[in-house]
């Protein structure tokens, strides 16, 4: 019987069915959990900060791509003048 480390809800997963590195979510609090150890099973909450950092990095990449497009368009406009 596994319990969510965040809200202590019982997870419908057998201890012998999980693998190290497996990601699952709690049906009660919806937090994502990673199996970091299998004997005994130990679950860690996947940090929202990590997800936020990944989203921020993706946003920065999109912003840089948009800036490059704008610069290319400006260069094309200048070439047409």
PDB file of N, CA and C in Angstrom:
ATOM      1  N   UNK A   1       0.854  -1.178   0.000  1.00  0.00           N
ATOM      2  CA  UNK A   1       0.000   0.000   0.000  1.00  0.00           C
ATOM      3  C   UNK A   1       0.900   1.241   0.000  1.00  0.00           C
ATOM      4  N   UNK A   2       0.752   2.058  -1.018  1.00  0.00           N
ATOM      5  CA  UNK A   2       1.537   3.286  -1.120  1.00  0.00           C
ATOM      6  C   UNK A   2       0.675   4.478  -0.753  1.00  0.00           C
ATOM      7  N   UNK A   3       1.306   5.466  -0.129  1.00  0.00           N
ATOM      8  CA  UNK A   3       0.599   6.694   0.237  1.00  0.00           C
ATOM      9  C   UNK A   3       1.285   7.883  -0.410  1.00  0.00           C
ATOM     10  N   UNK A   4       0.479   8.846  -0.788  1.00  0.00           N
ATOM     11  CA  UNK A   4       0.995  10.087  -1.350  1.00  0.00           C
ATOM     12  C   UNK A   4       1.737  10.852  -0.247  1.00  0.00           C
ATOM     13  N   UNK A   5       2.980  11.259  -0.499  1.00  0.00           N
ATOM     14  CA  UNK A   5       3.712  12.011   0.520  1.00  0.00           C
ATOM     15  C   UNK A   5       3.171  13.424   0.727  1.00  0.00           C
ATOM     16  N   UNK A   6       2.364  13.897  -0.199  1.00  0.00           N
ATOM     17  CA  UNK A   6       1.809  15.247  -0.108  1.00  0.00           C
ATOM     18  C   UNK A   6       0.541  15.284   0.734  1.00  0.00           C
ATOM     19  N   UNK A   7      -0.406  14.360   0.443  1.00  0.00           N
ATOM     20  CA  UNK A   7      -1.705  14.420   1.126  1.00  0.00           C
ATOM     21  C   UNK A   7      -2.042  13.149   1.907  1.00  0.00           C
ATOM     22  N   UNK A   8      -1.179  12.140   1.846  1.00  0.00           N
ATOM     23  CA  UNK A   8      -1.347  10.867   2.554  1.00  0.00           C
ATOM     24  C   UNK A   8      -2.484   9.998   2.020  1.00  0.00           C
ATOM     25  N   UNK A   9      -2.979  10.310   0.828  1.00  0.00           N
ATOM     26  CA  UNK A   9      -4.009   9.471   0.218  1.00  0.00           C
ATOM     27  C   UNK A   9      -3.398   8.131  -0.175  1.00  0.00           C
ATOM     28  N   UNK A  10      -4.184   7.079  -0.066  1.00  0.00           N
ATOM     29  CA  UNK A  10      -3.730   5.752  -0.466  1.00  0.00           C
ATOM     30  C   UNK A  10      -3.773   5.677  -1.992  1.00  0.00           C
ATOM     31  N   UNK A  11      -2.652   5.257  -2.579  1.00  0.00           N
ATOM     32  CA  UNK A  11      -2.558   5.132  -4.031  1.00  0.00           C
ATOM     33  C   UNK A  11      -2.916   3.710  -4.434  1.00  0.00           C
ATOM     34  N   UNK A  12      -3.663   3.574  -5.507  1.00  0.00           N
ATOM     35  CA  UNK A  12      -4.116   2.272  -5.976  1.00  0.00           C
ATOM     36  C   UNK A  12      -3.020   1.609  -6.815  1.00  0.00           C
ATOM     37  N   UNK A  13      -1.874   1.364  -6.181  1.00  0.00           N
ATOM     38  CA  UNK A  13      -0.728   0.760  -6.851  1.00  0.00           C
ATOM     39  C   UNK A  13      -0.062  -0.193  -5.866  1.00  0.00           C
ATOM     40  N   UNK A  14       0.282  -1.368  -6.345  1.00  0.00           N
ATOM     41  CA  UNK A  14       0.979  -2.339  -5.498  1.00  0.00           C
ATOM     42  C   UNK A  14       2.469  -2.001  -5.469  1.00  0.00           C
ATOM     43  N   UNK A  15       3.090  -2.157  -4.323  1.00  0.00           N
ATOM     44  CA  UNK A  15       4.506  -1.830  -4.166  1.00  0.00           C
ATOM     45  C   UNK A  15       5.396  -2.626  -5.112  1.00  0.00           C
ATOM     46  N   UNK A  16       5.023  -3.878  -5.406  1.00  0.00           N
ATOM     47  CA  UNK A  16       5.860  -4.702  -6.277  1.00  0.00           C
ATOM     48  C   UNK A  16       5.615  -4.430  -7.762  1.00  0.00           C
ATOM     49  N   UNK A  17       4.721  -3.494  -8.082  1.00  0.00           N
ATOM     50  CA  UNK A  17       4.416  -3.173  -9.474  1.00  0.00           C
ATOM     51  C   UNK A  17       5.117  -1.908  -9.967  1.00  0.00           C
ATOM     52  N   UNK A  18       5.802  -1.197  -9.087  1.00  0.00           N
ATOM     53  CA  UNK A  18       6.425   0.066  -9.493  1.00  0.00           C
ATOM     54  C   UNK A  18       7.895  -0.133  -9.832  1.00  0.00           C
ATOM     55  N   UNK A  19       8.405   0.757 -10.694  1.00  0.00           N
ATOM     56  CA  UNK A  19       9.806   0.725 -11.084  1.00  0.00           C
ATOM     57  C   UNK A  19      10.445   2.057 -10.743  1.00  0.00           C
ATOM     58  N   UNK A  20      11.723   2.017 -10.420  1.00  0.00           N
ATOM     59  CA  UNK A  20      12.450   3.244 -10.119  1.00  0.00           C
ATOM     60  C   UNK A  20      12.398   4.175 -11.331  1.00  0.00           C
ATOM     61  N   UNK A  21      12.111   5.446 -11.085  1.00  0.00           N
ATOM     62  CA  UNK A  21      12.012   6.435 -12.151  1.00  0.00           C
ATOM     63  C   UNK A  21      10.601   6.603 -12.695  1.00  0.00           C
ATOM     64  N   UNK A  22       9.706   5.720 -12.304  1.00  0.00           N
ATOM     65  CA  UNK A  22       8.317   5.786 -12.768  1.00  0.00           C
ATOM     66  C   UNK A  22       7.650   7.046 -12.219  1.00  0.00           C
ATOM     67  N   UNK A  23       6.824   7.661 -13.052  1.00  0.00           N
ATOM     68  CA  UNK A  23       6.078   8.856 -12.667  1.00  0.00           C
ATOM     69  C   UNK A  23       4.605   8.477 -12.569  1.00  0.00           C
ATOM     70  N   UNK A  24       3.976   8.921 -11.507  1.00  0.00           N
ATOM     71  CA  UNK A  24       2.538   8.688 -11.332  1.00  0.00           C
ATOM     72  C   UNK A  24       1.925   9.936 -10.713  1.00  0.00           C
ATOM     73  N   UNK A  25       0.628   9.995 -10.700  1.00  0.00           N
ATOM     74  CA  UNK A  25      -0.009  11.151 -10.069  1.00  0.00           C
ATOM     75  C   UNK A  25      -0.986  10.680  -9.003  1.00  0.00           C
ATOM     76  N   UNK A  26      -1.155  11.522  -8.005  1.00  0.00           N
ATOM     77  CA  UNK A  26      -2.075  11.227  -6.914  1.00  0.00           C
ATOM     78  C   UNK A  26      -3.488  11.580  -7.371  1.00  0.00           C
ATOM     79  N   UNK A  27      -4.433  10.664  -7.220  1.00  0.00           N
ATOM     80  CA  UNK A  27      -5.804  10.960  -7.634  1.00  0.00           C
ATOM     81  C   UNK A  27      -6.491  11.994  -6.738  1.00  0.00           C
ATOM     82  N   UNK A  28      -5.988  12.178  -5.528  1.00  0.00           N
ATOM     83  CA  UNK A  28      -6.606  13.124  -4.594  1.00  0.00           C
ATOM     84  C   UNK A  28      -6.107  14.550  -4.808  1.00  0.00           C
ATOM     85  N   UNK A  29      -4.783  14.746  -4.696  1.00  0.00           N
ATOM     86  CA  UNK A  29      -4.243  16.114  -4.773  1.00  0.00           C
ATOM     87  C   UNK A  29      -3.645  16.427  -6.147  1.00  0.00           C
ATOM     88  N   UNK A  30      -3.602  15.422  -7.038  1.00  0.00           N
ATOM     89  CA  UNK A  30      -3.152  15.558  -8.419  1.00  0.00           C
ATOM     90  C   UNK A  30      -1.687  15.961  -8.570  1.00  0.00           C
ATOM     91  N   UNK A  31      -0.900  15.799  -7.503  1.00  0.00           N
ATOM     92  CA  UNK A  31       0.522  16.095  -7.592  1.00  0.00           C
ATOM     93  C   UNK A  31       1.208  14.934  -8.318  1.00  0.00           C
ATOM     94  N   UNK A  32       2.274  15.248  -9.072  1.00  0.00           N
ATOM     95  CA  UNK A  32       3.026  14.198  -9.740  1.00  0.00           C
ATOM     96  C   UNK A  32       4.069  13.644  -8.782  1.00  0.00           C
ATOM     97  N   UNK A  33       4.216  12.326  -8.814  1.00  0.00           N
ATOM     98  CA  UNK A  33       5.129  11.628  -7.912  1.00  0.00           C
ATOM     99  C   UNK A  33       6.114  10.798  -8.724  1.00  0.00           C
ATOM    100  N   UNK A  34       7.346  10.756  -8.262  1.00  0.00           N
ATOM    101  CA  UNK A  34       8.362   9.927  -8.902  1.00  0.00           C
ATOM    102  C   UNK A  34       8.802   8.848  -7.922  1.00  0.00           C
ATOM    103  N   UNK A  35       8.907   7.624  -8.419  1.00  0.00           N
ATOM    104  CA  UNK A  35       9.426   6.528  -7.611  1.00  0.00           C
ATOM    105  C   UNK A  35      10.950   6.670  -7.617  1.00  0.00           C
ATOM    106  N   UNK A  36      11.523   6.995  -6.453  1.00  0.00           N
ATOM    107  CA  UNK A  36      12.969   7.195  -6.368  1.00  0.00           C
ATOM    108  C   UNK A  36      13.688   5.996  -5.761  1.00  0.00           C
ATOM    109  N   UNK A  37      12.915   5.085  -5.192  1.00  0.00           N
ATOM    110  CA  UNK A  37      13.489   3.875  -4.590  1.00  0.00           C
ATOM    111  C   UNK A  37      12.405   2.813  -4.597  1.00  0.00           C
ATOM    112  N   UNK A  38      12.799   1.555  -4.843  1.00  0.00           N
ATOM    113  CA  UNK A  38      11.791   0.497  -4.906  1.00  0.00           C
ATOM    114  C   UNK A  38      11.798  -0.463  -3.725  1.00  0.00           C
ATOM    115  N   UNK A  39      12.850  -0.517  -2.954  1.00  0.00           N
ATOM    116  CA  UNK A  39      12.870  -1.453  -1.834  1.00  0.00           C
ATOM    117  C   UNK A  39      13.504  -0.813  -0.613  1.00  0.00           C
ATOM    118  N   UNK A  40      12.737  -0.236   0.280  1.00  0.00           N
ATOM    119  CA  UNK A  40      11.283  -0.034   0.219  1.00  0.00           C
ATOM    120  C   UNK A  40      10.939   1.084  -0.763  1.00  0.00           C
ATOM    121  N   UNK A  41       9.693   1.098  -1.199  1.00  0.00           N
ATOM    122  CA  UNK A  41       9.254   2.111  -2.159  1.00  0.00           C
ATOM    123  C   UNK A  41       9.266   3.481  -1.500  1.00  0.00           C
ATOM    124  N   UNK A  42       9.881   4.424  -2.198  1.00  0.00           N
ATOM    125  CA  UNK A  42       9.915   5.807  -1.716  1.00  0.00           C
ATOM    126  C   UNK A  42       9.495   6.717  -2.861  1.00  0.00           C
ATOM    127  N   UNK A  43       8.509   7.563  -2.591  1.00  0.00           N
ATOM    128  CA  UNK A  43       7.993   8.489  -3.594  1.00  0.00           C
ATOM    129  C   UNK A  43       8.403   9.911  -3.253  1.00  0.00           C
ATOM    130  N   UNK A  44       8.771  10.673  -4.270  1.00  0.00           N
ATOM    131  CA  UNK A  44       9.056  12.097  -4.105  1.00  0.00           C
ATOM    132  C   UNK A  44       8.077  12.898  -4.934  1.00  0.00           C
ATOM    133  N   UNK A  45       7.661  14.011  -4.393  1.00  0.00           N
ATOM    134  CA  UNK A  45       6.818  14.934  -5.145  1.00  0.00           C
ATOM    135  C   UNK A  45       7.701  15.609  -6.180  1.00  0.00           C
ATOM    136  N   UNK A  46       7.240  15.624  -7.421  1.00  0.00           N
ATOM    137  CA  UNK A  46       7.975  16.331  -8.462  1.00  0.00           C
ATOM    138  C   UNK A  46       7.675  17.801  -8.286  1.00  0.00           C
ATOM    139  N   UNK A  47       8.703  18.571  -8.141  1.00  0.00           N
ATOM    140  CA  UNK A  47       8.582  19.990  -7.813  1.00  0.00           C
ATOM    141  C   UNK A  47       7.908  20.781  -8.920  1.00  0.00           C
ATOM    142  N   UNK A  48       6.963  21.629  -8.527  1.00  0.00           N
ATOM    143  CA  UNK A  48       6.347  22.547  -9.474  1.00  0.00           C
ATOM    144  C   UNK A  48       7.368  23.564  -9.960  1.00  0.00           C
ATOM    145  N   UNK A  49       8.389  23.843  -9.132  1.00  0.00           N
ATOM    146  CA  UNK A  49       9.428  24.787  -9.526  1.00  0.00           C
ATOM    147  C   UNK A  49      10.171  24.278 -10.750  1.00  0.00           C
ATOM    148  N   UNK A  50      10.452  22.975 -10.792  1.00  0.00           N
ATOM    149  CA  UNK A  50      11.143  22.398 -11.931  1.00  0.00           C
ATOM    150  C   UNK A  50      10.296  22.560 -13.185  1.00  0.00           C
ATOM    151  N   UNK A  51       9.002  22.270 -13.083  1.00  0.00           N
ATOM    152  CA  UNK A  51       8.109  22.439 -14.219  1.00  0.00           C
ATOM    153  C   UNK A  51       8.055  23.895 -14.645  1.00  0.00           C
ATOM    154  N   UNK A  52       8.004  24.805 -13.686  1.00  0.00           N
ATOM    155  CA  UNK A  52       7.959  26.232 -14.000  1.00  0.00           C
ATOM    156  C   UNK A  52       9.233  26.659 -14.717  1.00  0.00           C
ATOM    157  N   UNK A  53      10.380  26.141 -14.283  1.00  0.00           N
ATOM    158  CA  UNK A  53      11.639  26.466 -14.946  1.00  0.00           C
ATOM    159  C   UNK A  53      11.635  25.963 -16.382  1.00  0.00           C
ATOM    160  N   UNK A  54      11.137  24.747 -16.601  1.00  0.00           N
ATOM    161  CA  UNK A  54      11.086  24.194 -17.949  1.00  0.00           C
ATOM    162  C   UNK A  54      10.168  25.025 -18.833  1.00  0.00           C
ATOM    163  N   UNK A  55       9.013  25.442 -18.300  1.00  0.00           N
ATOM    164  CA  UNK A  55       8.093  26.270 -19.065  1.00  0.00           C
ATOM    165  C   UNK A  55       8.719  27.623 -19.374  1.00  0.00           C
ATOM    166  N   UNK A  56       9.443  28.182 -18.403  1.00  0.00           N
ATOM    167  CA  UNK A  56      10.091  29.473 -18.590  1.00  0.00           C
ATOM    168  C   UNK A  56      11.152  29.376 -19.686  1.00  0.00           C
ATOM    169  N   UNK A  57      11.946  28.300 -19.671  1.00  0.00           N
ATOM    170  CA  UNK A  57      12.965  28.107 -20.694  1.00  0.00           C
ATOM    171  C   UNK A  57      12.319  27.977 -22.066  1.00  0.00           C
ATOM    172  N   UNK A  58      11.222  27.249 -22.154  1.00  0.00           N
ATOM    173  CA  UNK A  58      10.523  27.097 -23.427  1.00  0.00           C
ATOM    174  C   UNK A  58      10.004  28.449 -23.898  1.00  0.00           C
ATOM    175  N   UNK A  59       9.504  29.252 -22.983  1.00  0.00           N
ATOM    176  CA  UNK A  59       9.016  30.588 -23.322  1.00  0.00           C
ATOM    177  C   UNK A  59      10.132  31.480 -23.821  1.00  0.00           C
ATOM    178  N   UNK A  60      11.312  31.384 -23.205  1.00  0.00           N
ATOM    179  CA  UNK A  60      12.459  32.175 -23.643  1.00  0.00           C
ATOM    180  C   UNK A  60      12.877  31.778 -25.047  1.00  0.00           C
ATOM    181  N   UNK A  61      12.861  30.482 -25.351  1.00  0.00           N
ATOM    182  CA  UNK A  61      13.227  30.014 -26.682  1.00  0.00           C
ATOM    183  C   UNK A  61      12.247  30.543 -27.718  1.00  0.00           C
ATOM    184  N   UNK A  62      10.957  30.544 -27.399  1.00  0.00           N
ATOM    185  CA  UNK A  62       9.956  31.077 -28.318  1.00  0.00           C
ATOM    186  C   UNK A  62      10.182  32.566 -28.535  1.00  0.00           C
ATOM    187  N   UNK A  63      10.483  33.305 -27.463  1.00  0.00           N
ATOM    188  CA  UNK A  63      10.716  34.740 -27.549  1.00  0.00           C
ATOM    189  C   UNK A  63      11.916  35.019 -28.443  1.00  0.00           C
ATOM    190  N   UNK A  64      13.004  34.261 -28.270  1.00  0.00           N
ATOM    191  CA  UNK A  64      14.193  34.449 -29.091  1.00  0.00           C
ATOM    192  C   UNK A  64      13.891  34.164 -30.555  1.00  0.00           C
ATOM    193  N   UNK A  65      13.099  33.146 -30.836  1.00  0.00           N
ATOM    194  CA  UNK A  65      12.736  32.813 -32.210  1.00  0.00           C
ATOM    195  C   UNK A  65      11.910  33.938 -32.821  1.00  0.00           C
ATOM    196  N   UNK A  66      10.997  34.520 -32.048  1.00  0.00           N
ATOM    197  CA  UNK A  66      10.187  35.634 -32.540  1.00  0.00           C
ATOM    198  C   UNK A  66      11.059  36.847 -32.827  1.00  0.00           C
ATOM    199  N   UNK A  67      12.037  37.119 -31.959  1.00  0.00           N
ATOM    200  CA  UNK A  67      12.946  38.244 -32.175  1.00  0.00           C
ATOM    201  C   UNK A  67      13.730  38.057 -33.467  1.00  0.00           C
ATOM    202  N   UNK A  68      14.209  36.841 -33.718  1.00  0.00           N
ATOM    203  CA  UNK A  68      14.959  36.562 -34.935  1.00  0.00           C
ATOM    204  C   UNK A  68      14.085  36.790 -36.158  1.00  0.00           C
ATOM    205  N   UNK A  69      12.824  36.352 -36.104  1.00  0.00           N
ATOM    206  CA  UNK A  69      11.903  36.560 -37.219  1.00  0.00           C
ATOM    207  C   UNK A  69      11.706  38.043 -37.488  1.00  0.00           C
ATOM    208  N   UNK A  70      11.508  38.824 -36.422  1.00  0.00           N
ATOM    209  CA  UNK A  70      11.308  40.263 -36.574  1.00  0.00           C
ATOM    210  C   UNK A  70      12.534  40.918 -37.194  1.00  0.00           C
ATOM    211  N   UNK A  71      13.730  40.508 -36.772  1.00  0.00           N
ATOM    212  CA  UNK A  71      14.955  41.065 -37.332  1.00  0.00           C
ATOM    213  C   UNK A  71      15.071  40.728 -38.810  1.00  0.00           C
ATOM    214  N   UNK A  72      14.728  39.497 -39.181  1.00  0.00           N
ATOM    215  CA  UNK A  72      14.778  39.092 -40.581  1.00  0.00           C
ATOM    216  C   UNK A  72      13.797  39.911 -41.410  1.00  0.00           C
ATOM    217  N   UNK A  73      12.593  40.137 -40.876  1.00  0.00           N
ATOM    218  CA  UNK A  73      11.600  40.935 -41.587  1.00  0.00           C
ATOM    219  C   UNK A  73      12.084  42.368 -41.764  1.00  0.00           C
ATOM    220  N   UNK A  74      12.709  42.936 -40.735  1.00  0.00           N
ATOM    221  CA  UNK A  74      13.240  44.293 -40.826  1.00  0.00           C
ATOM    222  C   UNK A  74      14.341  44.358 -41.875  1.00  0.00           C
ATOM    223  N   UNK A  75      15.203  43.348 -41.917  1.00  0.00           N
ATOM    224  CA  UNK A  75      16.273  43.307 -42.909  1.00  0.00           C
ATOM    225  C   UNK A  75      15.690  43.232 -44.314  1.00  0.00           C
ATOM    226  N   UNK A  76      14.642  42.437 -44.501  1.00  0.00           N
ATOM    227  CA  UNK A  76      13.996  42.325 -45.806  1.00  0.00           C
ATOM    228  C   UNK A  76      13.363  43.653 -46.209  1.00  0.00           C
ATOM    229  N   UNK A  77      12.708  44.328 -45.257  1.00  0.00           N
ATOM    230  CA  UNK A  77      12.097  45.624 -45.542  1.00  0.00           C
ATOM    231  C   UNK A  77      13.151  46.641 -45.961  1.00  0.00           C
ATOM    232  N   UNK A  78      14.289  46.655 -45.279  1.00  0.00           N
ATOM    233  CA  UNK A  78      15.362  47.586 -45.618  1.00  0.00           C
ATOM    234  C   UNK A  78      15.934  47.266 -46.989  1.00  0.00           C
ATOM    235  N   UNK A  79      16.020  46.007 -47.336  1.00  0.00           N
ATOM    236  CA  UNK A  79      16.562  45.608 -48.634  1.00  0.00           C
ATOM    237  C   UNK A  79      15.634  46.035 -49.762  1.00  0.00           C
ATOM    238  N   UNK A  80      14.340  46.101 -49.494  1.00  0.00           N
ATOM    239  CA  UNK A  80      13.369  46.491 -50.516  1.00  0.00           C
ATOM    240  C   UNK A  80      13.352  47.994 -50.749  1.00  0.00           C
ATOM    241  N   UNK A  81      13.873  48.778 -49.825  1.00  0.00           N
ATOM    242  CA  UNK A  81      13.835  50.237 -49.948  1.00  0.00           C
ATOM    243  C   UNK A  81      14.840  50.739 -50.901  1.00  0.00           C
TER     244      UNK A  81
END
